[in-house]
Amino acid sequence: MKIRCIVNGKQTDLETAPDRRVVDLLREDLGLCGTKEACGSGECGACTILVDGESRLSCLMIAAQLEGKEIVTIEGFSKEHLHPIQEAFIVHGAVQCGFCTPGMVLAAADLLKRNPAPDRHEIRRAISGNLCRCTGYQKIVDAIESLARVEEESDE
């Protein structure tokens, strides 16, 4: 099956089986290894990508679902400089081993697009599908919350 979509800002034509998992397509065919696979069953969030701006678990998607969609992986999230979300993760020490970080960053981007000023409860809910073994989540929540405060201050 031929699938036409936009991946990280580039028109992409893919030739693949329609039922192939998106995580495999991204990692094996396109070399986008920032999208991690851990559980393979949608429980950990390591494979989070943005599809038409919304966070999705690529291990639960099949290639046919990409037709006509815009996909953003962590590699395409920020072009020349770190995105403010990535910078906030660094500043707040929300990055340790880094395995969950791409999925967390993209989940945070989806949240902040939908709600530029989430409270801590909303932040925790938004990242609840992304598991982290290293940080204990506090620093991740702090990083995302710092961006919400910036958004609130810029609105005044």
N, C-alpha and C. Protein backbone atom coordinates (compact mmCIF):
# COMPACT_ATOMS: atom_id res chain seq x y z
N MET A 1 0.85 -1.17 0.00
CA MET A 1 0.00 0.00 0.00
C MET A 1 0.89 1.24 0.00
N LYS A 2 0.50 2.23 -0.78
CA LYS A 2 1.21 3.50 -0.79
C LYS A 2 0.48 4.46 0.12
N ILE A 3 1.24 5.08 1.02
CA ILE A 3 0.67 6.02 1.98
C ILE A 3 1.38 7.35 1.80
N ARG A 4 0.59 8.39 1.69
CA ARG A 4 1.14 9.74 1.55
C ARG A 4 0.78 10.52 2.81
N CYS A 5 1.80 11.08 3.44
CA CYS A 5 1.60 11.87 4.65
C CYS A 5 2.74 12.87 4.76
N ILE A 6 2.65 13.70 5.76
CA ILE A 6 3.73 14.65 6.05
C ILE A 6 4.38 14.19 7.34
N VAL A 7 5.68 13.96 7.27
CA VAL A 7 6.43 13.54 8.45
C VAL A 7 7.48 14.60 8.74
N ASN A 8 7.35 15.21 9.89
CA ASN A 8 8.28 16.25 10.33
C ASN A 8 8.46 17.34 9.28
N GLY A 9 7.33 17.74 8.70
CA GLY A 9 7.31 18.85 7.75
C GLY A 9 7.62 18.49 6.31
N LYS A 10 7.91 17.22 6.03
CA LYS A 10 8.26 16.82 4.66
C LYS A 10 7.20 15.87 4.11
N GLN A 11 6.74 16.17 2.89
CA GLN A 11 5.82 15.25 2.21
C GLN A 11 6.54 13.91 2.06
N THR A 12 5.88 12.83 2.45
CA THR A 12 6.50 11.51 2.47
C THR A 12 5.56 10.50 1.83
N ASP A 13 6.11 9.72 0.91
CA ASP A 13 5.37 8.62 0.31
C ASP A 13 5.97 7.33 0.83
N LEU A 14 5.15 6.53 1.46
CA LEU A 14 5.61 5.28 2.06
C LEU A 14 4.96 4.10 1.35
N GLU A 15 5.75 3.09 1.10
CA GLU A 15 5.24 1.84 0.53
C GLU A 15 5.38 0.80 1.63
N THR A 16 4.25 0.34 2.16
CA THR A 16 4.29 -0.58 3.28
C THR A 16 2.98 -1.33 3.41
N ALA A 17 2.98 -2.35 4.21
CA ALA A 17 1.74 -3.08 4.50
C ALA A 17 0.82 -2.16 5.29
N PRO A 18 -0.47 -2.12 4.98
CA PRO A 18 -1.39 -1.20 5.67
C PRO A 18 -1.55 -1.47 7.15
N ASP A 19 -1.29 -2.72 7.57
CA ASP A 19 -1.46 -3.07 8.98
C ASP A 19 -0.15 -3.03 9.77
N ARG A 20 0.88 -2.49 9.17
CA ARG A 20 2.17 -2.37 9.87
C ARG A 20 2.08 -1.31 10.95
N ARG A 21 2.68 -1.58 12.11
CA ARG A 21 2.64 -0.61 13.20
C ARG A 21 3.44 0.64 12.84
N VAL A 22 2.90 1.79 13.20
CA VAL A 22 3.55 3.06 12.91
C VAL A 22 4.91 3.17 13.60
N VAL A 23 5.03 2.70 14.83
CA VAL A 23 6.31 2.77 15.53
C VAL A 23 7.40 2.04 14.73
N ASP A 24 7.07 0.92 14.14
CA ASP A 24 8.05 0.17 13.34
C ASP A 24 8.40 0.92 12.06
N LEU A 25 7.41 1.48 11.43
CA LEU A 25 7.60 2.26 10.20
C LEU A 25 8.53 3.45 10.46
N LEU A 26 8.26 4.17 11.53
CA LEU A 26 9.08 5.34 11.87
C LEU A 26 10.52 4.95 12.17
N ARG A 27 10.70 3.94 13.00
CA ARG A 27 12.03 3.56 13.44
C ARG A 27 12.81 2.84 12.34
N GLU A 28 12.20 1.86 11.71
CA GLU A 28 12.92 1.01 10.77
C GLU A 28 13.03 1.60 9.37
N ASP A 29 11.96 2.17 8.86
CA ASP A 29 11.97 2.69 7.49
C ASP A 29 12.47 4.12 7.40
N LEU A 30 12.10 4.95 8.38
CA LEU A 30 12.46 6.37 8.31
C LEU A 30 13.63 6.73 9.23
N GLY A 31 14.10 5.79 10.05
CA GLY A 31 15.25 6.03 10.91
C GLY A 31 14.99 7.03 12.01
N LEU A 32 13.74 7.20 12.39
CA LEU A 32 13.36 8.16 13.44
C LEU A 32 13.29 7.42 14.78
N CYS A 33 14.43 7.21 15.35
CA CYS A 33 14.55 6.37 16.55
C CYS A 33 14.28 7.10 17.85
N GLY A 34 13.93 8.39 17.78
CA GLY A 34 13.51 9.10 18.99
C GLY A 34 12.18 8.60 19.49
N THR A 35 11.40 8.03 18.58
CA THR A 35 10.15 7.38 18.96
C THR A 35 10.53 6.01 19.49
N LYS A 36 10.37 5.84 20.79
CA LYS A 36 10.82 4.62 21.45
C LYS A 36 9.73 3.56 21.46
N GLU A 37 10.15 2.31 21.55
CA GLU A 37 9.21 1.23 21.81
C GLU A 37 9.65 0.56 23.10
N ALA A 38 8.72 0.45 24.01
CA ALA A 38 9.02 -0.23 25.27
C ALA A 38 8.00 -1.33 25.48
N CYS A 39 6.77 -0.97 25.75
CA CYS A 39 5.78 -2.00 26.09
C CYS A 39 5.13 -2.62 24.85
N GLY A 40 4.97 -1.84 23.79
CA GLY A 40 4.33 -2.34 22.58
C GLY A 40 2.83 -2.53 22.70
N SER A 41 2.25 -2.09 23.82
CA SER A 41 0.81 -2.30 24.02
C SER A 41 0.07 -1.05 24.49
N GLY A 42 0.69 0.13 24.32
CA GLY A 42 0.03 1.37 24.66
C GLY A 42 -0.01 1.72 26.12
N GLU A 43 0.82 1.09 26.92
CA GLU A 43 0.80 1.32 28.37
C GLU A 43 1.84 2.32 28.86
N CYS A 44 2.90 2.58 28.08
CA CYS A 44 4.01 3.36 28.63
C CYS A 44 4.19 4.76 28.04
N GLY A 45 3.71 5.02 26.84
CA GLY A 45 3.82 6.34 26.24
C GLY A 45 5.15 6.65 25.60
N ALA A 46 6.10 5.72 25.61
CA ALA A 46 7.42 5.98 25.03
C ALA A 46 7.34 6.22 23.52
N CYS A 47 6.30 5.74 22.89
CA CYS A 47 6.16 5.85 21.44
C CYS A 47 5.28 7.02 21.02
N THR A 48 5.02 7.96 21.93
CA THR A 48 4.13 9.08 21.64
C THR A 48 4.66 9.92 20.48
N ILE A 49 3.76 10.23 19.55
CA ILE A 49 4.02 11.13 18.44
C ILE A 49 2.84 12.10 18.37
N LEU A 50 2.96 13.12 17.55
CA LEU A 50 1.84 14.01 17.28
C LEU A 50 1.29 13.69 15.91
N VAL A 51 -0.01 13.47 15.84
CA VAL A 51 -0.70 13.24 14.57
C VAL A 51 -1.74 14.33 14.44
N ASP A 52 -1.55 15.17 13.42
CA ASP A 52 -2.40 16.35 13.25
C ASP A 52 -2.49 17.14 14.55
N GLY A 53 -1.35 17.23 15.26
CA GLY A 53 -1.24 18.04 16.45
C GLY A 53 -1.68 17.39 17.74
N GLU A 54 -2.19 16.18 17.69
CA GLU A 54 -2.65 15.49 18.90
C GLU A 54 -1.72 14.33 19.22
N SER A 55 -1.45 14.13 20.52
CA SER A 55 -0.57 13.03 20.90
C SER A 55 -1.27 11.69 20.67
N ARG A 56 -0.51 10.78 20.08
CA ARG A 56 -1.01 9.44 19.79
C ARG A 56 0.08 8.44 20.10
N LEU A 57 -0.31 7.22 20.41
CA LEU A 57 0.64 6.15 20.69
C LEU A 57 0.90 5.40 19.38
N SER A 58 2.10 5.51 18.88
CA SER A 58 2.41 4.94 17.57
C SER A 58 2.46 3.42 17.57
N CYS A 59 2.59 2.80 18.76
CA CYS A 59 2.58 1.34 18.80
C CYS A 59 1.17 0.79 18.62
N LEU A 60 0.16 1.65 18.79
CA LEU A 60 -1.23 1.22 18.63
C LEU A 60 -1.83 1.66 17.29
N MET A 61 -1.05 2.35 16.50
CA MET A 61 -1.52 2.82 15.19
C MET A 61 -0.97 1.93 14.09
N ILE A 62 -1.75 1.80 13.03
CA ILE A 62 -1.27 1.09 11.85
C ILE A 62 -1.01 2.10 10.73
N ALA A 63 -0.17 1.70 9.81
CA ALA A 63 0.29 2.58 8.74
C ALA A 63 -0.86 3.21 7.97
N ALA A 64 -1.92 2.47 7.70
CA ALA A 64 -3.05 3.01 6.94
C ALA A 64 -3.65 4.24 7.60
N GLN A 65 -3.52 4.38 8.91
CA GLN A 65 -4.06 5.53 9.63
C GLN A 65 -3.28 6.82 9.38
N LEU A 66 -2.13 6.72 8.73
CA LEU A 66 -1.31 7.89 8.46
C LEU A 66 -1.71 8.62 7.19
N GLU A 67 -2.46 8.00 6.33
CA GLU A 67 -2.83 8.60 5.05
C GLU A 67 -3.40 10.00 5.23
N GLY A 68 -2.71 10.97 4.58
CA GLY A 68 -3.17 12.36 4.60
C GLY A 68 -2.93 13.10 5.91
N LYS A 69 -2.24 12.50 6.84
CA LYS A 69 -2.03 13.10 8.16
C LYS A 69 -0.67 13.80 8.22
N GLU A 70 -0.55 14.67 9.21
CA GLU A 70 0.73 15.31 9.51
C GLU A 70 1.26 14.70 10.80
N ILE A 71 2.45 14.12 10.72
CA ILE A 71 3.07 13.42 11.84
C ILE A 71 4.29 14.21 12.29
N VAL A 72 4.42 14.39 13.60
CA VAL A 72 5.61 15.03 14.16
C VAL A 72 6.18 14.08 15.20
N THR A 73 7.46 13.76 15.01
CA THR A 73 8.20 12.98 16.00
C THR A 73 9.11 13.94 16.75
N ILE A 74 9.79 13.48 17.75
CA ILE A 74 10.69 14.36 18.50
C ILE A 74 11.77 14.95 17.59
N GLU A 75 12.18 14.22 16.56
CA GLU A 75 13.20 14.73 15.64
C GLU A 75 12.71 15.96 14.88
N GLY A 76 11.43 16.05 14.64
CA GLY A 76 10.87 17.17 13.88
C GLY A 76 10.20 18.21 14.75
N PHE A 77 10.23 18.02 16.05
CA PHE A 77 9.53 18.91 16.97
C PHE A 77 10.13 20.30 16.99
N SER A 78 11.42 20.39 16.90
CA SER A 78 12.11 21.67 16.92
C SER A 78 13.20 21.62 15.86
N LYS A 79 13.23 22.62 15.03
CA LYS A 79 14.14 22.56 13.88
C LYS A 79 15.57 23.00 14.20
N GLU A 80 15.75 24.23 14.62
CA GLU A 80 17.12 24.74 14.76
C GLU A 80 17.59 24.84 16.21
N HIS A 81 16.67 25.14 17.10
CA HIS A 81 17.01 25.30 18.52
C HIS A 81 16.09 24.41 19.33
N LEU A 82 16.43 24.21 20.56
CA LEU A 82 15.53 23.46 21.43
C LEU A 82 14.21 24.20 21.56
N HIS A 83 13.14 23.46 21.60
CA HIS A 83 11.82 24.02 21.83
C HIS A 83 11.75 24.45 23.30
N PRO A 84 10.96 25.47 23.64
CA PRO A 84 10.84 25.87 25.05
C PRO A 84 10.48 24.72 25.99
N ILE A 85 9.71 23.75 25.52
CA ILE A 85 9.39 22.59 26.37
C ILE A 85 10.66 21.80 26.66
N GLN A 86 11.48 21.58 25.65
CA GLN A 86 12.73 20.86 25.85
C GLN A 86 13.66 21.64 26.79
N GLU A 87 13.73 22.95 26.61
CA GLU A 87 14.55 23.78 27.49
C GLU A 87 14.06 23.69 28.93
N ALA A 88 12.74 23.74 29.12
CA ALA A 88 12.19 23.66 30.48
C ALA A 88 12.52 22.33 31.13
N PHE A 89 12.49 21.24 30.36
CA PHE A 89 12.85 19.94 30.92
C PHE A 89 14.29 19.95 31.40
N ILE A 90 15.18 20.58 30.65
CA ILE A 90 16.59 20.66 31.05
C ILE A 90 16.75 21.52 32.29
N VAL A 91 16.17 22.71 32.27
CA VAL A 91 16.30 23.64 33.39
C VAL A 91 15.79 23.04 34.69
N HIS A 92 14.71 22.27 34.62
CA HIS A 92 14.08 21.72 35.82
C HIS A 92 14.59 20.32 36.17
N GLY A 93 15.60 19.84 35.44
CA GLY A 93 16.15 18.51 35.74
C GLY A 93 15.17 17.39 35.48
N ALA A 94 14.29 17.58 34.49
CA ALA A 94 13.26 16.60 34.19
C ALA A 94 13.74 15.52 33.21
N VAL A 95 15.02 15.52 32.94
CA VAL A 95 15.61 14.54 32.03
C VAL A 95 16.67 13.77 32.80
N GLN A 96 16.49 12.48 32.88
CA GLN A 96 17.53 11.67 33.51
C GLN A 96 18.04 10.68 32.48
N CYS A 97 17.46 9.49 32.38
CA CYS A 97 17.97 8.55 31.38
C CYS A 97 17.56 8.98 29.97
N GLY A 98 16.45 9.69 29.85
CA GLY A 98 16.02 10.21 28.56
C GLY A 98 15.10 9.31 27.76
N PHE A 99 14.89 8.10 28.19
CA PHE A 99 14.08 7.17 27.40
C PHE A 99 12.65 7.66 27.23
N CYS A 100 12.05 8.16 28.28
CA CYS A 100 10.66 8.61 28.21
C CYS A 100 10.54 10.03 27.70
N THR A 101 11.63 10.77 27.64
CA THR A 101 11.58 12.20 27.38
C THR A 101 10.89 12.57 26.06
N PRO A 102 11.19 11.92 24.93
CA PRO A 102 10.49 12.31 23.71
C PRO A 102 8.96 12.23 23.84
N GLY A 103 8.48 11.14 24.41
CA GLY A 103 7.04 10.99 24.59
C GLY A 103 6.47 12.01 25.55
N MET A 104 7.18 12.29 26.63
CA MET A 104 6.74 13.29 27.60
C MET A 104 6.67 14.67 26.97
N VAL A 105 7.69 15.03 26.21
CA VAL A 105 7.74 16.34 25.56
C VAL A 105 6.57 16.51 24.60
N LEU A 106 6.30 15.48 23.81
CA LEU A 106 5.20 15.59 22.84
C LEU A 106 3.84 15.58 23.53
N ALA A 107 3.69 14.83 24.61
CA ALA A 107 2.45 14.86 25.38
C ALA A 107 2.25 16.25 25.99
N ALA A 108 3.34 16.86 26.47
CA ALA A 108 3.27 18.21 27.02
C ALA A 108 2.89 19.22 25.94
N ALA A 109 3.43 19.05 24.75
CA ALA A 109 3.10 19.96 23.64
C ALA A 109 1.61 19.90 23.31
N ASP A 110 1.07 18.69 23.29
CA ASP A 110 -0.36 18.53 23.02
C ASP A 110 -1.18 19.23 24.11
N LEU A 111 -0.82 19.00 25.36
CA LEU A 111 -1.53 19.64 26.47
C LEU A 111 -1.48 21.16 26.36
N LEU A 112 -0.29 21.72 26.17
CA LEU A 112 -0.14 23.16 26.15
C LEU A 112 -0.80 23.80 24.94
N LYS A 113 -0.95 23.04 23.87
CA LYS A 113 -1.69 23.55 22.71
C LYS A 113 -3.18 23.64 23.05
N ARG A 114 -3.69 22.63 23.72
CA ARG A 114 -5.10 22.61 24.10
C ARG A 114 -5.41 23.54 25.26
N ASN A 115 -4.47 23.65 26.19
CA ASN A 115 -4.67 24.45 27.40
C ASN A 115 -3.35 25.12 27.75
N PRO A 116 -3.15 26.37 27.35
CA PRO A 116 -1.88 27.04 27.59
C PRO A 116 -1.56 27.32 29.06
N ALA A 117 -2.54 27.17 29.94
CA ALA A 117 -2.29 27.44 31.36
C ALA A 117 -2.88 26.34 32.24
N PRO A 118 -2.41 25.11 32.08
CA PRO A 118 -2.95 24.01 32.89
C PRO A 118 -2.45 24.10 34.33
N ASP A 119 -3.27 23.60 35.24
CA ASP A 119 -2.80 23.50 36.63
C ASP A 119 -2.08 22.15 36.80
N ARG A 120 -1.52 21.93 37.97
CA ARG A 120 -0.73 20.72 38.21
C ARG A 120 -1.55 19.44 38.02
N HIS A 121 -2.79 19.48 38.43
CA HIS A 121 -3.66 18.31 38.25
C HIS A 121 -3.86 18.01 36.76
N GLU A 122 -4.09 19.03 35.96
CA GLU A 122 -4.26 18.83 34.52
C GLU A 122 -2.97 18.33 33.87
N ILE A 123 -1.85 18.84 34.34
CA ILE A 123 -0.56 18.38 33.81
C ILE A 123 -0.37 16.90 34.13
N ARG A 124 -0.61 16.53 35.37
CA ARG A 124 -0.46 15.12 35.76
C ARG A 124 -1.38 14.21 34.94
N ARG A 125 -2.59 14.66 34.72
CA ARG A 125 -3.54 13.87 33.92
C ARG A 125 -3.04 13.72 32.48
N ALA A 126 -2.51 14.81 31.93
CA ALA A 126 -2.06 14.80 30.54
C ALA A 126 -0.86 13.88 30.30
N ILE A 127 0.00 13.74 31.30
CA ILE A 127 1.18 12.89 31.14
C ILE A 127 1.00 11.52 31.79
N SER A 128 -0.19 11.24 32.28
CA SER A 128 -0.41 9.99 33.02
C SER A 128 -0.18 8.74 32.17
N GLY A 129 -0.26 8.85 30.87
CA GLY A 129 -0.01 7.71 30.00
C GLY A 129 1.45 7.54 29.63
N ASN A 130 2.31 8.40 30.17
CA ASN A 130 3.74 8.34 29.88
C ASN A 130 4.48 7.95 31.15
N LEU A 131 5.06 6.77 31.13
CA LEU A 131 5.74 6.25 32.32
C LEU A 131 7.21 6.69 32.35
N CYS A 132 7.67 7.00 33.56
CA CYS A 132 9.06 7.37 33.78
C CYS A 132 9.55 6.65 35.03
N ARG A 133 10.68 6.00 34.90
CA ARG A 133 11.25 5.28 36.05
C ARG A 133 12.26 6.10 36.82
N CYS A 134 12.71 7.21 36.26
CA CYS A 134 13.84 7.93 36.87
C CYS A 134 13.47 9.16 37.66
N THR A 135 12.56 9.98 37.16
CA THR A 135 12.39 11.32 37.75
C THR A 135 11.38 11.39 38.88
N GLY A 136 10.46 10.47 38.96
CA GLY A 136 9.41 10.58 39.96
C GLY A 136 8.35 11.59 39.56
N TYR A 137 8.40 12.11 38.36
CA TYR A 137 7.41 12.99 37.75
C TYR A 137 7.41 14.41 38.28
N GLN A 138 7.85 14.66 39.50
CA GLN A 138 7.77 16.00 40.08
C GLN A 138 8.46 17.03 39.20
N LYS A 139 9.67 16.72 38.75
CA LYS A 139 10.43 17.67 37.94
C LYS A 139 9.80 17.85 36.56
N ILE A 140 9.19 16.82 36.05
CA ILE A 140 8.49 16.93 34.76
C ILE A 140 7.29 17.86 34.91
N VAL A 141 6.52 17.67 35.95
CA VAL A 141 5.37 18.54 36.21
C VAL A 141 5.84 19.97 36.43
N ASP A 142 6.93 20.15 37.18
CA ASP A 142 7.48 21.50 37.40
C ASP A 142 7.86 22.16 36.07
N ALA A 143 8.49 21.39 35.18
CA ALA A 143 8.91 21.94 33.89
C ALA A 143 7.70 22.40 33.07
N ILE A 144 6.70 21.57 32.99
CA ILE A 144 5.51 21.93 32.22
C ILE A 144 4.79 23.10 32.88
N GLU A 145 4.69 23.07 34.20
CA GLU A 145 4.04 24.17 34.92
C GLU A 145 4.76 25.49 34.69
N SER A 146 6.09 25.46 34.59
CA SER A 146 6.84 26.70 34.36
C SER A 146 6.46 27.33 33.02
N LEU A 147 6.14 26.51 32.06
CA LEU A 147 5.70 27.03 30.76
C LEU A 147 4.30 27.60 30.85
N ALA A 148 3.46 27.00 31.66
CA ALA A 148 2.10 27.52 31.85
C ALA A 148 2.17 28.90 32.48
N ARG A 149 3.06 29.08 33.44
CA ARG A 149 3.21 30.39 34.08
C ARG A 149 3.69 31.42 33.06
N VAL A 150 4.61 31.02 32.21
CA VAL A 150 5.10 31.93 31.17
C VAL A 150 3.95 32.35 30.28
N GLU A 151 3.12 31.40 29.88
CA GLU A 151 1.97 31.72 29.05
C GLU A 151 1.03 32.69 29.77
N GLU A 152 0.77 32.45 31.06
CA GLU A 152 -0.13 33.32 31.81
C GLU A 152 0.43 34.73 31.90
N GLU A 153 1.74 34.84 32.18
CA GLU A 153 2.37 36.15 32.30
C GLU A 153 2.37 36.90 30.98
N SER A 154 2.54 36.20 29.87
CA SER A 154 2.58 36.87 28.57
C SER A 154 1.20 37.36 28.14
N ASP A 155 0.14 36.84 28.76
CA ASP A 155 -1.21 37.26 28.42
C ASP A 155 -1.59 38.56 29.12
N GLU A 156 -0.85 38.94 30.12
CA GLU A 156 -1.22 40.14 30.91
C GLU A 156 -0.82 41.41 30.22
